[in-house]
Amino acid sequence: MAKKHVPMRTCVVCGESYPKRELVRIVRTPEGRVELDLQGKKPGRGAYLCRKPSCWDLRVAVPKLQRSLRATIDEEARAALEEFAREILAEASATVGEPS
């Protein structure tokens, strides 16, 4: 039996490749809005971020996302990214606290 193809994508911040399902997609819609695409199915130009907390430092991530998406990230989109970044950081701190 042949192995199933696993699509790989690259995080725009750290440059590491991961299976597509492990990354968070940010999309520029055909209308020009920048949104989170948690299901990975919205139409438009996409960019990916991994779930490492360091990649969600928006001072670093936003310029790289803007370049990759060829769009300006407005305040509404930035607020959504900040909220999701807080969730990623909370997830990471909960994982660090778990016993092995």
Protein backbone atom coordinates (compact mmCIF):
# COMPACT_ATOMS: atom_id res chain seq x y z
CA MET A 1 0.00 0.00 0.00
CA ALA A 2 1.33 3.44 -0.94
CA LYS A 3 1.99 6.07 1.70
CA LYS A 4 -0.54 8.88 1.82
CA HIS A 5 0.82 12.26 0.75
CA VAL A 6 1.09 14.74 3.63
CA PRO A 7 1.11 18.36 2.43
CA MET A 8 3.92 20.36 4.03
CA ARG A 9 3.93 24.12 4.63
CA THR A 10 6.52 26.54 5.99
CA CYS A 11 6.05 28.90 8.94
CA VAL A 12 6.66 32.46 7.71
CA VAL A 13 8.39 33.43 10.96
CA CYS A 14 10.78 30.57 11.80
CA GLY A 15 11.04 29.06 8.32
CA GLU A 16 10.55 25.47 9.50
CA SER A 17 8.39 23.04 7.52
CA TYR A 18 5.52 21.18 9.17
CA PRO A 19 2.54 19.13 8.04
CA LYS A 20 -0.14 21.59 6.94
CA ARG A 21 -2.60 20.47 9.64
CA GLU A 22 -0.16 21.44 12.44
CA LEU A 23 0.03 25.08 11.33
CA VAL A 24 -2.35 28.02 11.65
CA ARG A 25 -3.36 29.60 8.35
CA ILE A 26 -3.83 33.33 8.00
CA VAL A 27 -5.58 34.31 4.78
CA ARG A 28 -6.07 37.46 2.72
CA THR A 29 -9.59 37.07 1.37
CA PRO A 30 -10.52 38.09 -2.18
CA GLU A 31 -12.08 41.22 -0.59
CA GLY A 32 -8.66 42.13 0.88
CA ARG A 33 -9.38 41.39 4.56
CA VAL A 34 -6.84 39.45 6.63
CA GLU A 35 -8.40 36.70 8.77
CA LEU A 36 -7.53 33.59 10.73
CA ASP A 37 -8.46 30.45 8.80
CA LEU A 38 -8.50 27.68 11.40
CA GLN A 39 -10.07 25.13 9.03
CA GLY A 40 -7.64 25.99 6.21
CA LYS A 41 -10.36 26.17 3.57
CA LYS A 42 -11.13 29.85 3.04
CA PRO A 43 -10.40 31.19 -0.43
CA GLY A 44 -7.55 33.63 -0.81
CA ARG A 45 -3.82 33.96 -0.38
CA GLY A 46 -2.58 32.14 2.71
CA ALA A 47 0.41 32.24 5.03
CA TYR A 48 1.18 29.86 7.86
CA LEU A 49 2.44 30.19 11.43
CA CYS A 50 3.51 27.28 13.60
CA ARG A 51 2.33 27.00 17.19
CA LYS A 52 5.65 27.90 18.82
CA PRO A 53 5.08 30.87 21.14
CA SER A 54 8.11 32.68 19.71
CA CYS A 55 6.47 32.71 16.25
CA TRP A 56 3.43 34.49 17.69
CA ASP A 57 5.41 37.55 18.82
CA LEU A 58 3.40 39.95 16.66
CA ARG A 59 6.20 42.52 16.50
CA VAL A 60 8.08 39.97 14.39
CA ALA A 61 5.16 38.08 12.82
CA VAL A 62 3.07 40.98 11.48
CA PRO A 63 5.70 42.39 9.07
CA LYS A 64 6.43 38.88 7.75
CA LEU A 65 2.73 38.12 7.36
CA GLN A 66 2.13 41.43 5.55
CA ARG A 67 4.95 40.65 3.13
CA SER A 68 3.76 37.09 2.56
CA LEU A 69 0.09 38.02 2.16
CA ARG A 70 0.87 41.17 0.17
CA ALA A 71 -1.59 43.06 2.36
CA THR A 72 -1.68 45.47 5.28
CA ILE A 73 -2.93 44.01 8.53
CA ASP A 74 -5.54 46.39 9.95
CA GLU A 75 -6.42 46.88 13.63
CA GLU A 76 -9.31 44.40 13.56
CA ALA A 77 -7.13 41.63 12.10
CA ARG A 78 -4.30 42.49 14.49
CA ALA A 79 -6.70 42.21 17.45
CA ALA A 80 -7.81 38.75 16.25
CA LEU A 81 -4.17 37.68 15.89
CA GLU A 82 -3.36 39.01 19.38
CA GLU A 83 -6.28 37.07 20.88
CA PHE A 84 -5.20 33.87 19.16
CA ALA A 85 -1.58 34.49 20.23
CA ARG A 86 -2.78 34.68 23.86
CA GLU A 87 -4.48 31.28 23.40
CA ILE A 88 -1.26 29.81 21.93
CA LEU A 89 0.76 31.18 24.86
CA ALA A 90 -1.76 29.83 27.39
CA GLU A 91 -1.63 26.42 25.66
CA ALA A 92 2.16 26.44 25.78
CA SER A 93 2.34 27.41 29.46
CA ALA A 94 -0.23 24.70 30.35
CA THR A 95 1.84 22.11 28.47
CA VAL A 96 5.03 23.16 30.25
CA GLY A 97 3.32 22.70 33.62
CA GLU A 98 2.17 19.13 32.86
CA PRO A 99 4.13 16.28 34.42
CA SER A 100 5.88 14.01 31.92
